[in-house]
């Protein structure tokens, strides 16, 4: 067993720990930013539902607007072209609710425009969801083949497992620019509607920037786990 792989495995563990801390900090920032402005009404005087409907009308998009369960579960569903707004934001006039709804509408615009990064993200995520189901069965088969001394076949399957895990990293990487663009669109949309006061712009920025940080953290975590997984399997396939 080569010391380089052992060191890499240890370092990757440290990176995972750091990444998880960053992810926890990012999630805390989202919650804090949301809580800070969820009781501060926007100057637009529109609920989350009304904002989604107005943006749809103003931009000639035929979207369904509905309420969904959970907290901060707001999302755009390209399958039925719907904006799904969490119960807390659906009837809220707050800056937090409007920043989140405008962000999800940004995804609807990306879909309507066939925005290339959005299309790429959707395709990669579909592939990632499919191949991730194969990861554990392949990994188990690969290790069993290694144990029973069929090392070439075992190593090949293990390397395929590594490639499958890499797809998850690519999916997170593809997600980041799409989310940043949706937030940029959200800011522009709200400013066009009249959210131009310095205080409101800063509040919107704070909510959307905190949300973007969670995607950065998710990418870091997935990359860290990929590296650890890679070093672990390389150590296994190269043991004496």
C-alpha atoms as a PDB file:
ATOM      1  CA  UNK A   1       0.000   0.000   0.000  1.00  0.00           C
ATOM      2  CA  UNK A   2       1.525   3.282  -1.100  1.00  0.00           C
ATOM      3  CA  UNK A   3       1.971   6.050   1.451  1.00  0.00           C
ATOM      4  CA  UNK A   4       0.855   8.653  -1.088  1.00  0.00           C
ATOM      5  CA  UNK A   5      -2.630   7.170  -1.155  1.00  0.00           C
ATOM      6  CA  UNK A   6      -2.765   6.997   2.641  1.00  0.00           C
ATOM      7  CA  UNK A   7      -1.796  10.654   2.913  1.00  0.00           C
ATOM      8  CA  UNK A   8      -4.310  11.544   0.219  1.00  0.00           C
ATOM      9  CA  UNK A   9      -7.016   9.650   2.089  1.00  0.00           C
ATOM     10  CA  UNK A  10      -6.246  11.502   5.329  1.00  0.00           C
ATOM     11  CA  UNK A  11      -6.096  14.884   3.584  1.00  0.00           C
ATOM     12  CA  UNK A  12      -9.402  14.193   1.825  1.00  0.00           C
ATOM     13  CA  UNK A  13     -10.960  13.453   5.238  1.00  0.00           C
ATOM     14  CA  UNK A  14      -9.773  16.833   6.508  1.00  0.00           C
ATOM     15  CA  UNK A  15     -11.185  18.500   3.386  1.00  0.00           C
ATOM     16  CA  UNK A  16     -14.524  16.776   3.993  1.00  0.00           C
ATOM     17  CA  UNK A  17     -14.616  18.102   7.562  1.00  0.00           C
ATOM     18  CA  UNK A  18     -13.855  21.636   6.383  1.00  0.00           C
ATOM     19  CA  UNK A  19     -16.452  21.349   3.606  1.00  0.00           C
ATOM     20  CA  UNK A  20     -19.135  20.160   6.015  1.00  0.00           C
ATOM     21  CA  UNK A  21     -18.388  23.099   8.315  1.00  0.00           C
ATOM     22  CA  UNK A  22     -18.710  25.467   5.338  1.00  0.00           C
ATOM     23  CA  UNK A  23     -22.012  23.801   4.395  1.00  0.00           C
ATOM     24  CA  UNK A  24     -23.357  24.228   7.933  1.00  0.00           C
ATOM     25  CA  UNK A  25     -22.293  27.877   7.968  1.00  0.00           C
ATOM     26  CA  UNK A  26     -23.940  28.401   4.562  1.00  0.00           C
ATOM     27  CA  UNK A  27     -27.215  26.853   5.731  1.00  0.00           C
ATOM     28  CA  UNK A  28     -27.094  28.970   8.867  1.00  0.00           C
ATOM     29  CA  UNK A  29     -26.650  32.105   6.743  1.00  0.00           C
ATOM     30  CA  UNK A  30     -29.674  31.186   4.634  1.00  0.00           C
ATOM     31  CA  UNK A  31     -31.830  30.655   7.713  1.00  0.00           C
ATOM     32  CA  UNK A  32     -30.592  33.860   9.342  1.00  0.00           C
ATOM     33  CA  UNK A  33     -31.125  35.968   6.208  1.00  0.00           C
ATOM     34  CA  UNK A  34     -34.577  34.487   5.655  1.00  0.00           C
ATOM     35  CA  UNK A  35     -35.600  35.003   9.286  1.00  0.00           C
ATOM     36  CA  UNK A  36     -34.240  38.556   9.286  1.00  0.00           C
ATOM     37  CA  UNK A  37     -36.488  39.688   6.436  1.00  0.00           C
ATOM     38  CA  UNK A  38     -39.464  37.321   6.577  1.00  0.00           C
ATOM     39  CA  UNK A  39     -41.389  39.853   8.655  1.00  0.00           C
ATOM     40  CA  UNK A  40     -40.227  42.900   6.686  1.00  0.00           C
ATOM     41  CA  UNK A  41     -42.786  43.701   4.003  1.00  0.00           C
ATOM     42  CA  UNK A  42     -41.656  44.526   0.500  1.00  0.00           C
ATOM     43  CA  UNK A  43     -42.622  47.862  -1.041  1.00  0.00           C
ATOM     44  CA  UNK A  44     -44.346  45.958  -3.872  1.00  0.00           C
ATOM     45  CA  UNK A  45     -47.227  44.976  -1.553  1.00  0.00           C
ATOM     46  CA  UNK A  46     -47.630  41.631  -3.302  1.00  0.00           C
ATOM     47  CA  UNK A  47     -47.823  38.179  -1.774  1.00  0.00           C
ATOM     48  CA  UNK A  48     -45.515  35.469  -3.032  1.00  0.00           C
ATOM     49  CA  UNK A  49     -48.369  34.061  -5.098  1.00  0.00           C
ATOM     50  CA  UNK A  50     -49.320  37.459  -6.517  1.00  0.00           C
ATOM     51  CA  UNK A  51     -45.705  38.193  -7.402  1.00  0.00           C
ATOM     52  CA  UNK A  52     -45.361  34.904  -9.288  1.00  0.00           C
ATOM     53  CA  UNK A  53     -48.605  35.588 -11.167  1.00  0.00           C
ATOM     54  CA  UNK A  54     -47.587  39.153 -12.019  1.00  0.00           C
ATOM     55  CA  UNK A  55     -44.155  38.109 -13.254  1.00  0.00           C
ATOM     56  CA  UNK A  56     -45.780  35.386 -15.362  1.00  0.00           C
ATOM     57  CA  UNK A  57     -48.224  37.876 -16.859  1.00  0.00           C
ATOM     58  CA  UNK A  58     -45.641  40.622 -17.446  1.00  0.00           C
ATOM     59  CA  UNK A  59     -43.268  38.205 -19.170  1.00  0.00           C
ATOM     60  CA  UNK A  60     -45.923  36.298 -21.155  1.00  0.00           C
ATOM     61  CA  UNK A  61     -45.231  32.985 -19.488  1.00  0.00           C
ATOM     62  CA  UNK A  62     -48.120  30.589 -18.938  1.00  0.00           C
ATOM     63  CA  UNK A  63     -47.109  29.155 -15.572  1.00  0.00           C
ATOM     64  CA  UNK A  64     -49.057  27.363 -12.889  1.00  0.00           C
ATOM     65  CA  UNK A  65     -48.581  28.820  -9.418  1.00  0.00           C
ATOM     66  CA  UNK A  66     -49.264  26.540  -6.493  1.00  0.00           C
ATOM     67  CA  UNK A  67     -48.497  26.072  -2.813  1.00  0.00           C
ATOM     68  CA  UNK A  68     -46.226  23.252  -1.664  1.00  0.00           C
ATOM     69  CA  UNK A  69     -45.552  21.837   1.778  1.00  0.00           C
ATOM     70  CA  UNK A  70     -42.418  22.253   3.845  1.00  0.00           C
ATOM     71  CA  UNK A  71     -40.176  25.169   4.724  1.00  0.00           C
ATOM     72  CA  UNK A  72     -38.018  26.801   2.037  1.00  0.00           C
ATOM     73  CA  UNK A  73     -39.090  24.116  -0.415  1.00  0.00           C
ATOM     74  CA  UNK A  74     -39.877  26.669  -3.131  1.00  0.00           C
ATOM     75  CA  UNK A  75     -38.954  25.399  -6.590  1.00  0.00           C
ATOM     76  CA  UNK A  76     -39.703  25.614 -10.290  1.00  0.00           C
ATOM     77  CA  UNK A  77     -40.847  22.375 -11.925  1.00  0.00           C
ATOM     78  CA  UNK A  78     -40.023  22.293 -15.650  1.00  0.00           C
ATOM     79  CA  UNK A  79     -42.123  19.148 -16.144  1.00  0.00           C
ATOM     80  CA  UNK A  80     -45.406  21.050 -15.795  1.00  0.00           C
ATOM     81  CA  UNK A  81     -44.054  24.613 -15.907  1.00  0.00           C
ATOM     82  CA  UNK A  82     -45.125  25.392 -12.369  1.00  0.00           C
ATOM     83  CA  UNK A  83     -43.773  27.633  -9.639  1.00  0.00           C
ATOM     84  CA  UNK A  84     -44.255  25.872  -6.318  1.00  0.00           C
ATOM     85  CA  UNK A  85     -44.169  28.208  -3.334  1.00  0.00           C
ATOM     86  CA  UNK A  86     -43.773  27.017   0.235  1.00  0.00           C
ATOM     87  CA  UNK A  87     -46.690  27.664   2.546  1.00  0.00           C
ATOM     88  CA  UNK A  88     -44.798  30.292   4.537  1.00  0.00           C
ATOM     89  CA  UNK A  89     -44.038  32.333   1.415  1.00  0.00           C
ATOM     90  CA  UNK A  90     -47.267  31.797  -0.529  1.00  0.00           C
ATOM     91  CA  UNK A  91     -49.274  34.494   1.227  1.00  0.00           C
ATOM     92  CA  UNK A  92     -46.347  36.500   2.591  1.00  0.00           C
ATOM     93  CA  UNK A  93     -45.610  40.097   1.610  1.00  0.00           C
ATOM     94  CA  UNK A  94     -42.060  39.848   2.931  1.00  0.00           C
ATOM     95  CA  UNK A  95     -38.784  40.675   1.211  1.00  0.00           C
ATOM     96  CA  UNK A  96     -37.625  37.118   1.881  1.00  0.00           C
ATOM     97  CA  UNK A  97     -40.646  35.594   0.156  1.00  0.00           C
ATOM     98  CA  UNK A  98     -40.359  37.865  -2.852  1.00  0.00           C
ATOM     99  CA  UNK A  99     -36.623  37.274  -3.304  1.00  0.00           C
ATOM    100  CA  UNK A 100     -37.203  33.503  -3.269  1.00  0.00           C
ATOM    101  CA  UNK A 101     -40.211  33.615  -5.619  1.00  0.00           C
ATOM    102  CA  UNK A 102     -38.370  35.888  -8.052  1.00  0.00           C
ATOM    103  CA  UNK A 103     -35.427  33.476  -7.988  1.00  0.00           C
ATOM    104  CA  UNK A 104     -37.689  30.549  -8.917  1.00  0.00           C
ATOM    105  CA  UNK A 105     -39.232  32.644 -11.668  1.00  0.00           C
ATOM    106  CA  UNK A 106     -35.674  33.188 -12.905  1.00  0.00           C
ATOM    107  CA  UNK A 107     -35.507  29.415 -13.477  1.00  0.00           C
ATOM    108  CA  UNK A 108     -38.774  29.586 -15.419  1.00  0.00           C
ATOM    109  CA  UNK A 109     -37.220  32.241 -17.659  1.00  0.00           C
ATOM    110  CA  UNK A 110     -34.149  30.068 -18.171  1.00  0.00           C
ATOM    111  CA  UNK A 111     -36.390  27.191 -19.204  1.00  0.00           C
ATOM    112  CA  UNK A 112     -38.439  29.355 -21.565  1.00  0.00           C
ATOM    113  CA  UNK A 113     -35.303  30.789 -23.209  1.00  0.00           C
ATOM    114  CA  UNK A 114     -33.609  27.382 -23.533  1.00  0.00           C
ATOM    115  CA  UNK A 115     -30.753  28.872 -21.543  1.00  0.00           C
ATOM    116  CA  UNK A 116     -27.839  26.532 -22.283  1.00  0.00           C
ATOM    117  CA  UNK A 117     -26.431  26.194 -18.724  1.00  0.00           C
ATOM    118  CA  UNK A 118     -29.963  25.385 -17.490  1.00  0.00           C
ATOM    119  CA  UNK A 119     -30.461  22.733 -20.184  1.00  0.00           C
ATOM    120  CA  UNK A 120     -27.036  21.306 -19.397  1.00  0.00           C
ATOM    121  CA  UNK A 121     -27.791  21.179 -15.661  1.00  0.00           C
ATOM    122  CA  UNK A 122     -31.106  19.415 -16.269  1.00  0.00           C
ATOM    123  CA  UNK A 123     -29.468  16.804 -18.490  1.00  0.00           C
ATOM    124  CA  UNK A 124     -26.567  16.191 -16.092  1.00  0.00           C
ATOM    125  CA  UNK A 125     -28.889  15.892 -13.088  1.00  0.00           C
ATOM    126  CA  UNK A 126     -31.024  13.308 -14.905  1.00  0.00           C
ATOM    127  CA  UNK A 127     -27.937  11.258 -15.723  1.00  0.00           C
ATOM    128  CA  UNK A 128     -26.646  11.665 -12.169  1.00  0.00           C
ATOM    129  CA  UNK A 129     -29.955  10.491 -10.657  1.00  0.00           C
ATOM    130  CA  UNK A 130     -29.961   7.448 -12.919  1.00  0.00           C
ATOM    131  CA  UNK A 131     -26.352   6.302 -12.554  1.00  0.00           C
ATOM    132  CA  UNK A 132     -26.255   6.972  -8.808  1.00  0.00           C
ATOM    133  CA  UNK A 133     -28.600   4.000  -8.374  1.00  0.00           C
ATOM    134  CA  UNK A 134     -25.915   1.806  -9.890  1.00  0.00           C
ATOM    135  CA  UNK A 135     -23.119   3.035  -7.641  1.00  0.00           C
ATOM    136  CA  UNK A 136     -23.471   0.776  -4.606  1.00  0.00           C
ATOM    137  CA  UNK A 137     -24.264  -2.450  -6.520  1.00  0.00           C
ATOM    138  CA  UNK A 138     -21.254  -1.895  -8.795  1.00  0.00           C
ATOM    139  CA  UNK A 139     -19.013  -1.047  -5.865  1.00  0.00           C
ATOM    140  CA  UNK A 140     -20.019  -4.201  -3.984  1.00  0.00           C
ATOM    141  CA  UNK A 141     -19.493  -6.367  -7.075  1.00  0.00           C
ATOM    142  CA  UNK A 142     -16.097  -4.755  -7.677  1.00  0.00           C
ATOM    143  CA  UNK A 143     -14.922  -5.383  -4.120  1.00  0.00           C
ATOM    144  CA  UNK A 144     -16.166  -8.990  -4.199  1.00  0.00           C
ATOM    145  CA  UNK A 145     -14.262  -9.609  -7.424  1.00  0.00           C
ATOM    146  CA  UNK A 146     -11.167  -8.136  -5.792  1.00  0.00           C
ATOM    147  CA  UNK A 147     -11.614 -10.425  -2.773  1.00  0.00           C
ATOM    148  CA  UNK A 148     -11.925 -13.481  -5.009  1.00  0.00           C
ATOM    149  CA  UNK A 149      -8.739 -12.481  -6.833  1.00  0.00           C
ATOM    150  CA  UNK A 150     -10.407 -11.431 -10.074  1.00  0.00           C
ATOM    151  CA  UNK A 151      -8.457  -8.222  -9.748  1.00  0.00           C
ATOM    152  CA  UNK A 152      -8.640  -6.946 -13.327  1.00  0.00           C
ATOM    153  CA  UNK A 153     -12.441  -7.187 -13.534  1.00  0.00           C
ATOM    154  CA  UNK A 154     -12.796  -5.931  -9.968  1.00  0.00           C
ATOM    155  CA  UNK A 155     -10.567  -2.942 -10.569  1.00  0.00           C
ATOM    156  CA  UNK A 156     -12.436  -2.082 -13.773  1.00  0.00           C
ATOM    157  CA  UNK A 157     -15.784  -2.067 -11.997  1.00  0.00           C
ATOM    158  CA  UNK A 158     -14.394  -0.011  -9.129  1.00  0.00           C
ATOM    159  CA  UNK A 159     -13.048   2.575 -11.570  1.00  0.00           C
ATOM    160  CA  UNK A 160     -16.466   2.689 -13.228  1.00  0.00           C
ATOM    161  CA  UNK A 161     -17.900   3.374  -9.752  1.00  0.00           C
ATOM    162  CA  UNK A 162     -15.492   6.279  -9.368  1.00  0.00           C
ATOM    163  CA  UNK A 163     -16.650   7.674 -12.711  1.00  0.00           C
ATOM    164  CA  UNK A 164     -20.284   7.405 -11.607  1.00  0.00           C
ATOM    165  CA  UNK A 165     -19.521   9.311  -8.418  1.00  0.00           C
ATOM    166  CA  UNK A 166     -17.790  11.969 -10.519  1.00  0.00           C
ATOM    167  CA  UNK A 167     -21.089  12.594 -12.321  1.00  0.00           C
ATOM    168  CA  UNK A 168     -22.588  13.790  -9.026  1.00  0.00           C
ATOM    169  CA  UNK A 169     -19.751  16.302  -8.718  1.00  0.00           C
ATOM    170  CA  UNK A 170     -20.388  17.473 -12.283  1.00  0.00           C
ATOM    171  CA  UNK A 171     -24.092  17.860 -11.477  1.00  0.00           C
ATOM    172  CA  UNK A 172     -23.262  20.168  -8.555  1.00  0.00           C
ATOM    173  CA  UNK A 173     -20.770  22.048 -10.717  1.00  0.00           C
ATOM    174  CA  UNK A 174     -23.400  22.536 -13.437  1.00  0.00           C
ATOM    175  CA  UNK A 175     -25.932  23.736 -10.854  1.00  0.00           C
ATOM    176  CA  UNK A 176     -23.837  26.613  -9.518  1.00  0.00           C
ATOM    177  CA  UNK A 177     -23.879  28.989 -12.555  1.00  0.00           C
ATOM    178  CA  UNK A 178     -27.577  28.268 -13.113  1.00  0.00           C
ATOM    179  CA  UNK A 179     -28.449  29.307  -9.560  1.00  0.00           C
ATOM    180  CA  UNK A 180     -26.254  32.410  -9.706  1.00  0.00           C
ATOM    181  CA  UNK A 181     -27.918  33.455 -12.968  1.00  0.00           C
ATOM    182  CA  UNK A 182     -31.412  32.877 -11.518  1.00  0.00           C
ATOM    183  CA  UNK A 183     -30.534  35.134  -8.570  1.00  0.00           C
ATOM    184  CA  UNK A 184     -29.218  37.813 -10.933  1.00  0.00           C
ATOM    185  CA  UNK A 185     -32.456  37.654 -12.899  1.00  0.00           C
ATOM    186  CA  UNK A 186     -34.445  37.865  -9.661  1.00  0.00           C
ATOM    187  CA  UNK A 187     -32.717  41.093  -8.647  1.00  0.00           C
ATOM    188  CA  UNK A 188     -33.365  42.637 -12.070  1.00  0.00           C
ATOM    189  CA  UNK A 189     -37.023  41.586 -12.039  1.00  0.00           C
ATOM    190  CA  UNK A 190     -37.651  43.051  -8.592  1.00  0.00           C
ATOM    191  CA  UNK A 191     -35.892  46.298  -9.461  1.00  0.00           C
ATOM    192  CA  UNK A 192     -38.037  46.670 -12.603  1.00  0.00           C
ATOM    193  CA  UNK A 193     -41.115  46.273 -10.435  1.00  0.00           C
ATOM    194  CA  UNK A 194     -39.971  49.044  -8.104  1.00  0.00           C
ATOM    195  CA  UNK A 195     -37.794  47.473  -5.407  1.00  0.00           C
ATOM    196  CA  UNK A 196     -35.152  50.149  -5.806  1.00  0.00           C
ATOM    197  CA  UNK A 197     -34.601  51.499  -2.296  1.00  0.00           C
ATOM    198  CA  UNK A 198     -31.081  50.905  -1.007  1.00  0.00           C
ATOM    199  CA  UNK A 199     -32.386  49.055   2.048  1.00  0.00           C
ATOM    200  CA  UNK A 200     -34.583  46.704   0.010  1.00  0.00           C
ATOM    201  CA  UNK A 201     -31.870  45.995  -2.568  1.00  0.00           C
ATOM    202  CA  UNK A 202     -29.411  45.125   0.190  1.00  0.00           C
ATOM    203  CA  UNK A 203     -31.955  42.868   1.900  1.00  0.00           C
ATOM    204  CA  UNK A 204     -32.709  41.037  -1.358  1.00  0.00           C
ATOM    205  CA  UNK A 205     -28.986  40.633  -2.037  1.00  0.00           C
ATOM    206  CA  UNK A 206     -28.457  39.217   1.437  1.00  0.00           C
ATOM    207  CA  UNK A 207     -31.172  36.564   1.018  1.00  0.00           C
ATOM    208  CA  UNK A 208     -30.108  35.527  -2.488  1.00  0.00           C
ATOM    209  CA  UNK A 209     -26.371  35.576  -1.776  1.00  0.00           C
ATOM    210  CA  UNK A 210     -26.877  33.384   1.283  1.00  0.00           C
ATOM    211  CA  UNK A 211     -28.853  30.917  -0.835  1.00  0.00           C
ATOM    212  CA  UNK A 212     -26.107  30.872  -3.492  1.00  0.00           C
ATOM    213  CA  UNK A 213     -23.538  30.047  -0.829  1.00  0.00           C
ATOM    214  CA  UNK A 214     -25.363  26.781  -0.097  1.00  0.00           C
ATOM    215  CA  UNK A 215     -24.738  25.633  -3.684  1.00  0.00           C
ATOM    216  CA  UNK A 216     -21.061  26.504  -3.365  1.00  0.00           C
ATOM    217  CA  UNK A 217     -20.959  24.470  -0.167  1.00  0.00           C
ATOM    218  CA  UNK A 218     -22.744  21.531  -1.833  1.00  0.00           C
ATOM    219  CA  UNK A 219     -20.140  21.543  -4.599  1.00  0.00           C
ATOM    220  CA  UNK A 220     -17.280  21.575  -2.104  1.00  0.00           C
ATOM    221  CA  UNK A 221     -18.790  18.720  -0.110  1.00  0.00           C
ATOM    222  CA  UNK A 222     -19.383  16.575  -3.202  1.00  0.00           C
ATOM    223  CA  UNK A 223     -15.835  17.197  -4.427  1.00  0.00           C
ATOM    224  CA  UNK A 224     -14.395  16.348  -1.011  1.00  0.00           C
ATOM    225  CA  UNK A 225     -16.316  13.071  -0.800  1.00  0.00           C
ATOM    226  CA  UNK A 226     -15.304  12.217  -4.355  1.00  0.00           C
ATOM    227  CA  UNK A 227     -11.627  12.672  -3.491  1.00  0.00           C
ATOM    228  CA  UNK A 228     -11.966  10.546  -0.364  1.00  0.00           C
ATOM    229  CA  UNK A 229     -13.847   7.889  -2.282  1.00  0.00           C
ATOM    230  CA  UNK A 230     -11.192   7.988  -5.008  1.00  0.00           C
ATOM    231  CA  UNK A 231      -8.268   7.571  -2.614  1.00  0.00           C
ATOM    232  CA  UNK A 232     -10.053   4.806  -0.703  1.00  0.00           C
ATOM    233  CA  UNK A 233     -10.672   2.780  -3.834  1.00  0.00           C
ATOM    234  CA  UNK A 234      -7.189   3.378  -5.208  1.00  0.00           C
ATOM    235  CA  UNK A 235      -5.763   2.157  -1.904  1.00  0.00           C
ATOM    236  CA  UNK A 236      -7.945  -0.935  -2.165  1.00  0.00           C
ATOM    237  CA  UNK A 237      -7.051  -1.774  -5.766  1.00  0.00           C
ATOM    238  CA  UNK A 238      -3.328  -1.218  -5.185  1.00  0.00           C
ATOM    239  CA  UNK A 239      -2.987  -2.988  -1.854  1.00  0.00           C
ATOM    240  CA  UNK A 240       0.145  -5.149  -1.871  1.00  0.00           C
END
